[in-house]
N, C-alpha and C. Protein backbone atom coordinates (compact mmCIF):
# COMPACT_ATOMS: atom_id res chain seq x y z
N MET A 1 157.34 98.39 163.80
CA MET A 1 156.52 97.32 164.13
C MET A 1 155.08 97.94 163.66
N ALA A 2 154.17 96.84 163.29
CA ALA A 2 152.90 97.02 163.03
C ALA A 2 152.07 97.12 164.14
N LYS A 3 151.05 97.79 163.57
CA LYS A 3 150.01 98.35 164.81
C LYS A 3 148.68 97.54 164.10
N LEU A 4 147.32 97.87 165.36
CA LEU A 4 146.19 97.42 165.26
C LEU A 4 145.58 98.99 164.64
N VAL A 5 144.88 99.05 163.46
CA VAL A 5 144.07 100.29 163.10
C VAL A 5 142.47 99.97 162.94
N ALA A 6 141.91 100.23 163.90
CA ALA A 6 140.26 100.18 164.06
C ALA A 6 139.53 101.25 163.38
N PHE A 7 138.45 101.34 162.38
CA PHE A 7 137.87 102.18 162.04
C PHE A 7 136.26 101.72 162.06
N ASP A 8 135.58 102.75 162.14
CA ASP A 8 134.06 102.72 162.56
C ASP A 8 133.90 102.48 161.04
N PHE A 9 132.62 102.39 160.88
CA PHE A 9 132.06 102.16 159.38
C PHE A 9 131.13 103.20 159.18
N ASP A 10 130.18 103.33 159.52
CA ASP A 10 128.62 104.31 158.96
C ASP A 10 129.36 105.72 159.63
N GLY A 11 129.53 106.83 158.79
CA GLY A 11 130.06 108.05 159.02
C GLY A 11 131.47 108.39 159.11
N THR A 12 132.39 106.87 158.73
CA THR A 12 133.75 107.24 158.79
C THR A 12 134.28 106.43 157.41
N LEU A 13 134.41 105.17 157.16
CA LEU A 13 134.95 104.85 156.17
C LEU A 13 133.73 105.08 155.18
N SER A 14 132.39 105.36 155.52
CA SER A 14 131.22 105.04 154.61
C SER A 14 130.38 106.34 155.04
N ASP A 15 130.28 107.26 153.97
CA ASP A 15 129.19 108.09 154.10
C ASP A 15 127.64 107.64 154.12
N SER A 16 127.81 106.29 153.59
CA SER A 16 126.38 105.80 153.48
C SER A 16 125.70 105.33 155.05
N GLU A 17 124.34 105.61 155.43
CA GLU A 17 123.91 105.20 156.60
C GLU A 17 122.58 103.91 156.41
N MET A 18 123.62 102.89 156.69
CA MET A 18 122.52 101.41 156.38
C MET A 18 121.38 101.42 156.67
N THR A 19 121.10 101.97 158.14
CA THR A 19 119.93 101.82 158.50
C THR A 19 118.88 102.73 157.51
N VAL A 20 119.55 103.72 157.62
CA VAL A 20 118.71 104.71 156.59
C VAL A 20 118.13 104.42 155.11
N LEU A 21 119.03 103.68 154.66
CA LEU A 21 119.08 102.98 153.17
C LEU A 21 118.09 101.97 153.22
N LEU A 22 118.09 101.04 154.48
CA LEU A 22 117.21 99.77 154.54
C LEU A 22 115.61 101.15 155.01
N GLY A 23 115.89 101.90 155.30
CA GLY A 23 114.28 102.18 155.89
C GLY A 23 114.05 103.14 154.64
N GLU A 24 114.55 103.27 153.71
CA GLU A 24 113.95 103.83 152.67
C GLU A 24 113.11 102.74 151.66
N ARG A 25 113.74 101.60 151.60
CA ARG A 25 112.58 100.50 151.44
C ARG A 25 111.51 100.12 152.20
N GLU A 26 111.55 100.43 153.23
CA GLU A 26 110.43 99.97 153.88
C GLU A 26 109.57 101.22 154.49
N GLY A 27 110.14 102.73 153.88
CA GLY A 27 108.90 103.99 154.01
C GLY A 27 109.15 104.57 155.33
N VAL A 28 110.19 104.40 156.02
CA VAL A 28 110.40 104.73 157.54
C VAL A 28 111.90 105.48 157.62
N ALA A 29 112.80 106.16 156.42
CA ALA A 29 113.88 106.52 156.77
C ALA A 29 113.89 107.57 157.38
N GLY A 30 112.67 108.71 157.33
CA GLY A 30 112.70 109.70 158.32
C GLY A 30 113.01 109.16 159.78
N GLU A 31 112.27 108.45 160.18
CA GLU A 31 112.42 108.12 161.44
C GLU A 31 113.61 107.28 161.58
N MET A 32 114.39 106.42 160.98
CA MET A 32 115.55 106.03 161.53
C MET A 32 116.46 107.20 161.43
N ALA A 33 116.62 108.22 160.64
CA ALA A 33 117.59 109.11 160.61
C ALA A 33 117.48 110.16 161.88
N THR A 34 116.26 110.23 162.46
CA THR A 34 115.88 110.72 163.96
C THR A 34 116.54 109.91 165.01
N ILE A 35 116.27 108.92 164.74
CA ILE A 35 116.82 107.80 165.90
C ILE A 35 118.18 107.96 165.83
N THR A 36 118.92 107.81 164.76
CA THR A 36 120.47 107.70 164.65
C THR A 36 121.06 109.22 165.00
N GLY A 37 120.32 109.92 164.88
CA GLY A 37 120.84 111.27 165.17
C GLY A 37 121.03 111.51 167.01
N LYS A 38 119.88 111.24 167.57
CA LYS A 38 120.22 111.15 168.60
C LYS A 38 120.95 110.20 169.64
N ALA A 39 121.16 109.06 168.75
CA ALA A 39 122.20 107.94 169.39
C ALA A 39 123.67 108.83 168.97
N MET A 40 123.96 109.21 168.06
CA MET A 40 125.55 109.79 167.61
C MET A 40 125.59 110.94 168.20
N ASN A 41 124.59 111.65 168.79
CA ASN A 41 124.79 113.14 169.68
C ASN A 41 124.47 112.53 171.32
N ASP A 42 124.56 111.16 171.42
CA ASP A 42 124.64 110.41 172.86
C ASP A 42 123.72 111.00 173.65
N GLU A 43 122.40 111.26 173.19
CA GLU A 43 121.07 111.42 173.58
C GLU A 43 120.53 109.97 174.03
N ILE A 44 120.40 109.24 173.52
CA ILE A 44 119.79 107.85 173.83
C ILE A 44 121.00 106.74 173.61
N SER A 45 120.84 105.48 174.02
CA SER A 45 122.14 104.65 174.15
C SER A 45 122.00 104.10 172.72
N TYR A 46 123.25 103.87 172.60
CA TYR A 46 123.23 102.85 170.91
C TYR A 46 122.81 101.74 171.17
N ALA A 47 122.30 100.74 172.07
CA ALA A 47 121.52 99.60 172.02
C ALA A 47 120.10 99.92 171.86
N GLU A 48 119.50 100.93 172.46
CA GLU A 48 118.28 101.59 172.37
C GLU A 48 117.96 101.81 171.03
N SER A 49 118.56 102.91 170.55
CA SER A 49 118.64 102.98 169.06
C SER A 49 118.55 102.05 168.13
N LEU A 50 119.63 101.11 168.20
CA LEU A 50 119.83 100.04 167.13
C LEU A 50 118.44 99.27 167.59
N ARG A 51 117.90 99.15 168.10
CA ARG A 51 116.45 97.96 168.74
C ARG A 51 115.53 98.76 167.74
N GLU A 52 115.51 100.22 168.53
CA GLU A 52 114.37 101.02 168.01
C GLU A 52 114.39 100.70 165.93
N ARG A 53 115.37 101.01 165.74
CA ARG A 53 115.47 100.92 163.95
C ARG A 53 115.15 99.92 163.36
N ALA A 54 115.91 99.00 164.17
CA ALA A 54 115.42 97.37 163.76
C ALA A 54 114.21 96.75 163.78
N LYS A 55 113.40 97.57 164.73
CA LYS A 55 112.10 97.16 164.89
C LYS A 55 111.39 97.58 163.70
N LEU A 56 111.42 99.03 163.32
CA LEU A 56 110.94 99.46 162.11
C LEU A 56 110.90 98.97 160.60
N LEU A 57 112.35 97.84 160.95
CA LEU A 57 112.14 97.17 159.34
C LEU A 57 111.71 95.88 159.52
N LYS A 58 111.01 95.57 160.59
CA LYS A 58 110.39 94.37 160.81
C LYS A 58 109.41 93.85 159.42
N GLY A 59 109.62 92.81 158.55
CA GLY A 59 108.71 92.90 157.46
C GLY A 59 109.32 93.05 156.35
N LEU A 60 110.55 94.01 156.38
CA LEU A 60 111.48 93.61 154.74
C LEU A 60 111.85 93.30 154.17
N GLU A 61 111.42 92.75 153.17
CA GLU A 61 111.65 91.69 152.14
C GLU A 61 113.38 91.39 152.30
N GLU A 62 113.84 90.34 152.35
CA GLU A 62 115.31 89.81 152.23
C GLU A 62 115.89 90.54 150.96
N GLU A 63 115.16 90.61 149.71
CA GLU A 63 115.79 91.04 148.65
C GLU A 63 116.23 92.17 148.68
N GLU A 64 114.64 92.88 149.25
CA GLU A 64 115.14 94.37 149.46
C GLU A 64 115.83 94.76 150.28
N ALA A 65 116.27 94.09 151.40
CA ALA A 65 117.54 94.69 152.26
C ALA A 65 118.87 94.38 151.38
N ALA A 66 118.93 92.99 150.43
CA ALA A 66 120.04 93.04 149.94
C ALA A 66 120.50 94.26 148.96
N GLU A 67 119.15 94.79 148.19
CA GLU A 67 119.45 95.74 147.50
C GLU A 67 119.95 97.33 148.09
N ALA A 68 119.64 97.30 149.31
CA ALA A 68 119.86 98.26 150.03
C ALA A 68 121.37 98.35 150.71
N TYR A 69 121.77 96.90 150.69
CA TYR A 69 123.08 96.81 151.37
C TYR A 69 123.82 97.08 150.06
N GLY A 70 123.56 96.76 148.64
CA GLY A 70 124.71 96.86 147.66
C GLY A 70 124.67 98.20 147.47
N GLU A 71 124.06 99.23 148.15
CA GLU A 71 124.10 101.00 148.17
C GLU A 71 125.00 101.72 148.69
N VAL A 72 125.49 100.64 149.81
CA VAL A 72 126.20 100.93 150.29
C VAL A 72 127.65 101.32 150.19
N GLU A 73 128.44 102.25 150.11
CA GLU A 73 129.60 102.77 149.48
C GLU A 73 130.53 103.22 150.15
N LEU A 74 131.80 103.04 150.19
CA LEU A 74 132.82 103.61 150.74
C LEU A 74 133.04 105.06 150.31
N ARG A 75 133.78 105.27 151.33
CA ARG A 75 134.15 107.47 150.92
C ARG A 75 135.26 107.08 149.88
N PRO A 76 135.31 107.97 148.84
CA PRO A 76 136.23 108.37 148.10
C PRO A 76 137.79 108.16 148.91
N ASP A 77 138.67 107.43 148.44
CA ASP A 77 139.88 107.27 149.37
C ASP A 77 139.95 106.12 150.13
N ALA A 78 138.97 105.64 150.71
CA ALA A 78 138.91 104.87 152.13
C ALA A 78 139.55 103.66 151.48
N ALA A 79 139.36 102.79 150.32
CA ALA A 79 139.94 101.83 150.24
C ALA A 79 141.30 101.85 149.80
N ASP A 80 141.86 103.29 149.38
CA ASP A 80 143.41 103.10 149.25
C ASP A 80 144.07 103.38 150.32
N VAL A 81 143.44 103.82 151.49
CA VAL A 81 143.87 103.98 152.70
C VAL A 81 143.82 102.75 153.48
N ILE A 82 142.98 101.94 153.31
CA ILE A 82 143.24 100.81 153.86
C ILE A 82 144.18 100.01 153.18
N ARG A 83 144.01 99.72 151.58
CA ARG A 83 145.14 99.09 151.19
C ARG A 83 146.73 99.47 151.80
N ARG A 84 147.25 101.01 151.80
CA ARG A 84 148.35 100.94 152.13
C ARG A 84 148.46 101.00 153.70
N LEU A 85 147.69 100.95 154.60
CA LEU A 85 147.70 100.32 155.83
C LEU A 85 148.01 99.02 156.02
N ARG A 86 147.29 98.00 155.11
CA ARG A 86 147.88 96.68 155.07
C ARG A 86 149.02 96.27 154.56
N GLU A 87 149.36 97.15 153.56
CA GLU A 87 150.58 96.45 152.59
C GLU A 87 151.71 97.22 153.60
N ALA A 88 151.37 98.02 154.64
CA ALA A 88 152.57 98.42 156.02
C ALA A 88 152.73 97.44 156.79
N GLY A 89 151.88 96.56 157.03
CA GLY A 89 151.95 95.27 157.89
C GLY A 89 150.67 95.79 158.69
N HIS A 90 150.17 96.49 159.06
CA HIS A 90 149.17 96.56 160.21
C HIS A 90 148.18 95.83 160.01
N TYR A 91 147.35 95.61 160.88
CA TYR A 91 146.06 94.54 161.44
C TYR A 91 145.18 95.71 161.41
N VAL A 92 144.29 95.68 160.23
CA VAL A 92 143.25 96.61 160.03
C VAL A 92 141.48 96.06 160.24
N ALA A 93 140.87 96.50 161.08
CA ALA A 93 139.50 96.10 161.64
C ALA A 93 138.99 97.21 161.56
N ILE A 94 137.10 96.41 160.94
CA ILE A 94 136.48 97.41 160.98
C ILE A 94 135.76 97.02 162.14
N LEU A 95 135.13 97.86 163.13
CA LEU A 95 134.25 97.75 164.29
C LEU A 95 133.11 98.52 164.43
N THR A 96 131.96 97.95 163.90
CA THR A 96 130.69 98.74 163.69
C THR A 96 129.21 98.20 164.13
N GLY A 97 128.38 99.18 164.53
CA GLY A 97 127.53 98.51 165.07
C GLY A 97 126.35 98.62 163.90
N GLY A 98 127.01 98.66 162.86
CA GLY A 98 126.08 98.55 161.50
C GLY A 98 126.26 96.95 161.38
N PHE A 99 125.58 96.85 160.08
CA PHE A 99 125.47 95.46 159.58
C PHE A 99 126.40 94.35 158.77
N ASP A 100 126.95 93.55 158.72
CA ASP A 100 127.91 92.97 158.18
C ASP A 100 127.73 93.03 156.99
N ARG A 101 126.58 92.51 156.26
CA ARG A 101 126.23 92.18 154.78
C ARG A 101 126.48 93.58 154.20
N GLY A 102 126.26 94.67 154.62
CA GLY A 102 126.59 95.95 154.07
C GLY A 102 128.03 96.40 154.11
N VAL A 103 128.35 96.02 154.98
CA VAL A 103 130.14 96.44 154.94
C VAL A 103 130.86 95.53 154.19
N ALA A 104 130.59 93.93 154.03
CA ALA A 104 130.65 93.34 153.06
C ALA A 104 130.78 93.79 151.36
N ALA A 105 129.56 94.14 151.18
CA ALA A 105 129.20 94.59 150.00
C ALA A 105 129.88 95.92 149.68
N ALA A 106 130.15 96.77 150.30
CA ALA A 106 130.93 98.34 150.14
C ALA A 106 132.22 97.47 149.81
N LEU A 107 133.03 96.79 150.54
CA LEU A 107 134.07 96.28 150.58
C LEU A 107 134.47 95.70 149.18
N ASP A 108 133.76 95.02 148.70
CA ASP A 108 133.65 94.01 147.55
C ASP A 108 133.43 95.20 146.54
N ALA A 109 132.75 95.84 146.55
CA ALA A 109 132.54 96.99 145.40
C ALA A 109 133.82 97.39 145.09
N GLU A 110 134.71 97.65 146.17
CA GLU A 110 135.95 98.50 145.44
C GLU A 110 137.16 97.54 145.53
N GLY A 111 136.67 96.08 145.48
CA GLY A 111 137.89 95.23 146.06
C GLY A 111 138.54 95.68 147.32
N ALA A 112 138.14 95.99 148.07
CA ALA A 112 139.12 96.22 149.31
C ALA A 112 138.77 95.22 150.36
N GLU A 113 139.82 95.00 151.20
CA GLU A 113 139.77 93.74 152.03
C GLU A 113 140.43 94.26 153.64
N VAL A 114 139.69 94.02 154.47
CA VAL A 114 140.62 93.83 155.92
C VAL A 114 140.68 92.60 156.87
N ASP A 115 141.44 92.59 157.52
CA ASP A 115 141.64 91.70 158.32
C ASP A 115 140.54 91.29 159.24
N GLU A 116 139.81 91.89 159.67
CA GLU A 116 138.56 91.47 160.49
C GLU A 116 137.41 92.76 160.50
N ILE A 117 136.33 91.87 160.60
CA ILE A 117 134.93 92.86 160.82
C ILE A 117 134.33 92.33 161.99
N VAL A 118 133.80 93.21 162.79
CA VAL A 118 132.87 92.72 163.82
C VAL A 118 131.98 93.86 163.90
N ALA A 119 130.61 93.17 163.45
CA ALA A 119 129.50 93.94 163.04
C ALA A 119 128.05 92.93 163.63
N ASN A 120 127.19 94.22 163.27
CA ASN A 120 125.68 93.05 163.80
C ASN A 120 125.25 92.70 162.50
N ARG A 121 124.10 92.18 162.93
CA ARG A 121 123.06 91.56 161.56
C ARG A 121 121.55 91.71 162.14
N LEU A 122 120.91 91.47 160.96
CA LEU A 122 119.55 91.67 161.21
C LEU A 122 119.10 90.36 160.63
N PRO A 123 118.49 89.51 161.54
CA PRO A 123 118.06 88.11 161.45
C PRO A 123 116.68 88.18 160.07
N VAL A 124 116.80 86.98 159.32
CA VAL A 124 115.93 86.63 158.28
C VAL A 124 115.15 85.69 158.64
N ARG A 125 113.80 85.47 158.55
CA ARG A 125 112.64 84.87 158.61
C ARG A 125 111.75 84.46 157.92
N GLY A 126 111.44 83.45 156.86
CA GLY A 126 110.55 83.29 155.93
C GLY A 126 110.72 84.44 154.96
N GLY A 127 111.83 84.89 154.91
CA GLY A 127 112.24 85.59 153.71
C GLY A 127 112.06 87.32 154.02
N ARG A 128 112.03 87.35 154.99
CA ARG A 128 111.71 88.71 155.56
C ARG A 128 112.44 89.37 156.96
N LEU A 129 112.97 90.59 157.14
CA LEU A 129 113.54 90.55 158.20
C LEU A 129 112.32 90.56 159.42
N THR A 130 113.16 90.04 160.54
CA THR A 130 112.34 89.79 161.69
C THR A 130 111.97 90.81 162.77
N GLY A 131 112.56 92.03 162.38
CA GLY A 131 112.64 93.21 163.41
C GLY A 131 113.77 92.71 164.69
N GLU A 132 114.31 91.75 164.89
CA GLU A 132 115.50 92.02 165.63
C GLU A 132 116.69 92.46 165.08
N VAL A 133 117.45 92.40 166.16
CA VAL A 133 119.16 92.10 165.61
C VAL A 133 120.29 91.85 166.60
N GLU A 134 121.09 91.12 166.02
CA GLU A 134 121.89 90.79 166.73
C GLU A 134 123.49 90.75 166.45
N GLY A 135 124.37 90.67 167.48
CA GLY A 135 125.67 90.65 167.43
C GLY A 135 126.61 91.13 168.16
N PRO A 136 127.49 91.22 168.32
CA PRO A 136 128.44 91.64 169.50
C PRO A 136 128.51 93.09 169.92
N LEU A 137 127.91 94.09 168.87
CA LEU A 137 128.03 95.30 168.92
C LEU A 137 127.12 96.27 169.35
N ILE A 138 126.40 95.63 170.06
CA ILE A 138 124.59 96.09 170.79
C ILE A 138 124.65 96.49 171.88
N GLU A 139 125.01 95.51 172.75
CA GLU A 139 125.39 95.80 174.32
C GLU A 139 126.87 96.08 174.52
N GLY A 140 127.45 95.08 173.76
CA GLY A 140 129.01 95.02 173.78
C GLY A 140 129.62 96.44 173.16
N THR A 141 130.77 96.72 173.61
CA THR A 141 131.36 97.94 173.22
C THR A 141 132.63 98.18 172.63
N LYS A 142 132.94 98.96 172.04
CA LYS A 142 133.95 98.94 170.97
C LYS A 142 135.43 98.78 171.70
N ASP A 143 135.55 99.37 172.75
CA ASP A 143 136.94 99.29 173.45
C ASP A 143 137.10 98.00 173.87
N ARG A 144 135.78 97.29 174.26
CA ARG A 144 136.50 95.70 174.71
C ARG A 144 136.63 94.90 173.41
N GLU A 145 136.01 95.18 172.27
CA GLU A 145 136.49 94.69 170.90
C GLU A 145 137.99 94.84 170.43
N LEU A 146 138.26 96.18 170.87
CA LEU A 146 139.70 96.85 170.68
C LEU A 146 141.01 96.12 171.53
N GLU A 147 140.18 96.29 172.52
CA GLU A 147 141.33 95.44 173.63
C GLU A 147 141.07 93.80 173.17
N ARG A 148 140.38 93.39 172.78
CA ARG A 148 140.40 91.76 172.51
C ARG A 148 141.51 91.69 171.44
N LEU A 149 140.97 92.31 170.18
CA LEU A 149 141.87 92.27 168.69
C LEU A 149 143.17 92.65 169.44
N ALA A 150 143.58 93.41 170.29
CA ALA A 150 145.32 93.96 170.36
C ALA A 150 145.33 92.82 171.24
N ASP A 151 145.01 92.27 172.16
CA ASP A 151 145.49 91.22 172.85
C ASP A 151 145.53 89.69 171.85
N GLU A 152 144.72 89.45 171.20
CA GLU A 152 144.92 88.20 169.79
C GLU A 152 146.24 88.85 169.16
N GLN A 153 146.33 89.95 168.67
CA GLN A 153 147.32 90.21 167.50
C GLN A 153 148.80 90.16 168.49
N GLY A 154 149.01 90.61 169.88
CA GLY A 154 149.93 90.92 170.15
C GLY A 154 150.40 92.37 170.13
N VAL A 155 149.51 93.33 170.03
CA VAL A 155 149.90 94.55 169.92
C VAL A 155 149.42 95.46 171.31
N ALA A 156 150.29 96.12 172.03
CA ALA A 156 150.19 96.68 172.88
C ALA A 156 149.09 98.13 172.41
N MET A 157 148.08 98.22 173.90
CA MET A 157 147.10 99.19 173.70
C MET A 157 147.47 100.42 173.40
N ASN A 158 148.77 100.86 173.49
CA ASN A 158 149.42 101.87 173.33
C ASN A 158 149.95 102.08 171.80
N ARG A 159 149.70 101.13 170.93
CA ARG A 159 150.20 101.16 169.30
C ARG A 159 149.04 100.90 168.61
N THR A 160 147.75 101.23 169.02
CA THR A 160 146.40 101.07 168.53
C THR A 160 146.24 102.39 168.16
N VAL A 161 145.18 102.19 166.90
CA VAL A 161 144.77 103.49 166.40
C VAL A 161 142.97 103.30 166.29
N ALA A 162 142.05 104.45 166.53
CA ALA A 162 140.85 104.01 166.41
C ALA A 162 140.36 105.16 165.74
N VAL A 163 139.75 105.22 164.64
CA VAL A 163 139.12 106.37 163.85
C VAL A 163 137.45 106.13 164.00
N GLY A 164 136.85 107.32 164.22
CA GLY A 164 135.51 107.04 164.28
C GLY A 164 134.90 108.87 164.70
N ASP A 165 133.60 108.79 164.39
CA ASP A 165 132.52 109.81 164.20
C ASP A 165 131.70 110.15 165.40
N GLY A 166 130.94 108.83 165.92
CA GLY A 166 130.02 109.12 166.74
C GLY A 166 129.90 108.39 168.30
N ALA A 167 129.06 108.88 168.86
CA ALA A 167 129.07 108.83 170.32
C ALA A 167 129.53 107.05 170.64
N ASN A 168 128.87 106.21 170.18
CA ASN A 168 129.28 104.92 170.17
C ASN A 168 131.01 104.23 169.88
N ASP A 169 131.35 105.26 169.30
CA ASP A 169 133.17 105.21 168.89
C ASP A 169 133.51 105.66 170.17
N LEU A 170 132.90 106.40 171.02
CA LEU A 170 133.85 106.94 172.12
C LEU A 170 134.55 106.12 172.97
N PRO A 171 134.28 104.99 173.36
CA PRO A 171 134.82 103.93 174.25
C PRO A 171 136.15 103.62 173.32
N MET A 172 136.28 103.64 172.27
CA MET A 172 137.34 102.97 171.71
C MET A 172 138.39 104.09 171.46
N LEU A 173 138.05 105.27 170.97
CA LEU A 173 138.62 106.23 171.18
C LEU A 173 139.27 106.71 172.58
N GLU A 174 138.79 106.46 173.68
CA GLU A 174 139.05 106.88 174.72
C GLU A 174 140.31 105.80 175.40
N VAL A 175 140.34 104.70 174.61
CA VAL A 175 141.52 103.61 175.11
C VAL A 175 142.55 103.43 174.07
N ALA A 176 142.10 104.16 173.05
CA ALA A 176 143.25 103.69 171.89
C ALA A 176 144.29 104.33 172.14
N GLY A 177 146.12 104.13 171.50
CA GLY A 177 146.69 105.25 171.49
C GLY A 177 146.70 106.29 171.00
N LEU A 178 146.09 106.32 169.71
CA LEU A 178 145.87 107.24 168.83
C LEU A 178 144.65 107.40 168.49
N ALA A 179 143.65 108.60 168.85
CA ALA A 179 142.41 108.83 168.76
C ALA A 179 142.12 109.21 167.55
N VAL A 180 141.28 109.05 166.22
CA VAL A 180 141.26 109.96 164.97
C VAL A 180 139.80 110.45 165.02
N GLY A 181 139.65 111.77 164.92
CA GLY A 181 137.77 111.81 164.99
C GLY A 181 137.47 112.14 163.34
N PHE A 182 136.74 111.44 162.62
CA PHE A 182 136.47 111.69 161.09
C PHE A 182 135.01 112.57 161.12
N GLU A 183 135.58 114.15 161.14
CA GLU A 183 134.25 114.91 161.35
C GLU A 183 133.29 114.55 162.39
N PRO A 184 134.16 114.63 163.62
CA PRO A 184 133.44 113.89 164.85
C PRO A 184 132.42 115.01 165.24
N LYS A 185 131.43 114.03 165.86
CA LYS A 185 130.26 114.57 166.42
C LYS A 185 130.92 115.76 167.53
N PRO A 186 129.73 116.65 168.01
CA PRO A 186 130.43 117.64 169.08
C PRO A 186 130.63 117.26 170.43
N ALA A 187 129.73 116.09 170.71
CA ALA A 187 130.14 115.04 171.64
C ALA A 187 131.23 114.33 171.75
N VAL A 188 131.83 114.09 170.79
CA VAL A 188 133.02 113.26 170.59
C VAL A 188 133.99 113.71 170.40
N ALA A 189 134.55 115.10 169.81
CA ALA A 189 135.52 115.67 169.41
C ALA A 189 136.63 115.98 170.35
N PRO A 190 136.20 116.16 171.90
CA PRO A 190 137.02 116.22 172.73
C PRO A 190 137.74 115.05 173.05
N SER A 191 137.43 113.98 173.11
CA SER A 191 138.19 112.89 173.22
C SER A 191 138.88 111.87 171.99
N CYS A 192 138.92 113.06 171.17
CA CYS A 192 140.05 112.78 169.68
C CYS A 192 141.49 113.63 170.14
N ASP A 193 142.55 112.98 169.50
CA ASP A 193 143.79 113.49 169.74
C ASP A 193 143.92 114.23 168.40
N VAL A 194 143.20 114.28 167.53
CA VAL A 194 143.27 114.61 166.32
C VAL A 194 141.94 114.65 165.50
N SER A 195 141.67 115.54 164.43
CA SER A 195 140.34 115.18 163.75
C SER A 195 140.70 115.68 162.02
N VAL A 196 140.10 114.82 161.51
CA VAL A 196 140.51 114.98 159.98
C VAL A 196 138.80 115.04 159.36
N ALA A 197 138.88 115.71 157.87
CA ALA A 197 137.45 115.88 157.24
C ALA A 197 137.20 115.02 156.33
N SER A 198 138.48 114.01 155.69
CA SER A 198 138.28 113.35 154.65
C SER A 198 139.38 112.23 154.49
N MET A 199 139.51 111.59 153.58
CA MET A 199 140.26 110.11 153.81
C MET A 199 141.70 110.70 153.21
N ALA A 200 141.72 111.71 151.97
CA ALA A 200 142.84 112.58 151.96
C ALA A 200 143.72 112.89 153.26
N GLU A 201 142.96 113.78 153.78
CA GLU A 201 143.71 114.10 154.97
C GLU A 201 144.21 112.93 156.26
N LEU A 202 143.19 111.86 156.18
CA LEU A 202 143.36 110.64 156.94
C LEU A 202 144.86 110.15 156.65
N ALA A 203 145.02 110.19 155.27
CA ALA A 203 146.00 109.35 154.58
C ALA A 203 147.26 110.26 154.95
N ASP A 204 147.41 111.29 154.94
CA ASP A 204 148.35 112.33 155.13
C ASP A 204 148.41 112.38 156.86
N LEU A 205 147.67 112.07 157.31
CA LEU A 205 147.86 112.05 159.24
C LEU A 205 148.84 110.63 159.24
N PHE A 206 148.33 109.54 158.64
CA PHE A 206 148.99 108.42 158.78
C PHE A 206 150.10 108.86 158.31
N GLU A 207 150.74 109.17 157.36
CA GLU A 207 152.05 109.70 156.73
C GLU A 207 152.97 110.46 157.60
N ASP A 208 152.46 111.25 157.95
CA ASP A 208 152.98 111.90 159.29
C ASP A 208 153.21 111.45 160.58
N GLU A 209 152.59 110.30 161.03
CA GLU A 209 152.55 109.36 162.08
C GLU A 209 153.56 108.33 161.64
N GLY A 210 154.00 108.33 160.73
CA GLY A 210 154.85 106.95 160.13
C GLY A 210 154.39 105.80 159.91
N LEU A 211 152.74 105.66 159.94
CA LEU A 211 151.96 104.64 159.72
C LEU A 211 151.94 104.11 158.55
N VAL A 212 152.21 104.81 157.30
CA VAL A 212 152.39 104.35 155.94
C VAL A 212 153.45 105.42 155.22
N ASP A 213 153.91 104.58 154.02
CA ASP A 213 155.20 105.23 153.44
C ASP A 213 154.32 106.60 152.79
N ASP A 214 155.25 107.81 152.28
CA ASP A 214 154.44 109.10 151.70
C ASP A 214 154.83 108.21 150.09
N GLU A 215 153.48 108.46 149.63
CA GLU A 215 153.37 108.00 148.19
C GLU A 215 154.46 108.65 146.92
N ILE A 216 154.34 109.97 147.48
CA ILE A 216 155.63 110.32 146.60
C ILE A 216 157.16 110.06 146.53
N ASP A 217 157.37 109.38 147.82
CA ASP A 217 158.48 108.65 148.19
C ASP A 217 158.80 107.55 147.44
N ARG A 218 157.34 106.87 147.34
CA ARG A 218 157.33 105.58 146.70
C ARG A 218 157.49 105.49 145.50
N ILE A 219 156.99 106.70 144.69
CA ILE A 219 157.06 107.04 143.30
C ILE A 219 158.47 107.13 143.18
N ASP A 220 159.13 107.67 143.81
CA ASP A 220 160.68 108.17 143.42
C ASP A 220 161.78 107.01 143.79
């Protein structure tokens, strides 16, 4: 029976930090990284951190932002893990407080596809970022989105899988049937059923869980 597999993006599927890449274009990358670190360690709320980072980007030209999004990359083997899950019939989603254009750019670069992306966005007015942020995962939480997707796809919550690393992933990790930490932050690790440190390890875990076929068996 197919399952629902939900991934975080920044720090999980990608080791690129979108807001830092954007911040480099505006000369505020250091401030961005500090705010991000506080949020990931649950020192400030994710919503507060996201709004603070968006404010720092006010006035960034849209073309500069597009170039930054184009620098976002998937981790090695991430595209293959996604492909194998979808080939096995699972519904694969990305739930991220990051930005839709960066996620789309990284997937496109690897020729990877997922079934759904739930992400935020940075509005543009007059060719420049407004310093605001919009989307479902500012105040909204990933557990609600995971539950919504499970309901829409007819998947019981005990058949859901969540993969994440930071504090804003805690809600979905706590309600998922299988909670996987990808190099999880110290505040997150206790809520994970298992942790991995690479996409290769994640693929091995999914094989052990029967979520994907063993590649050796497929070759044989």
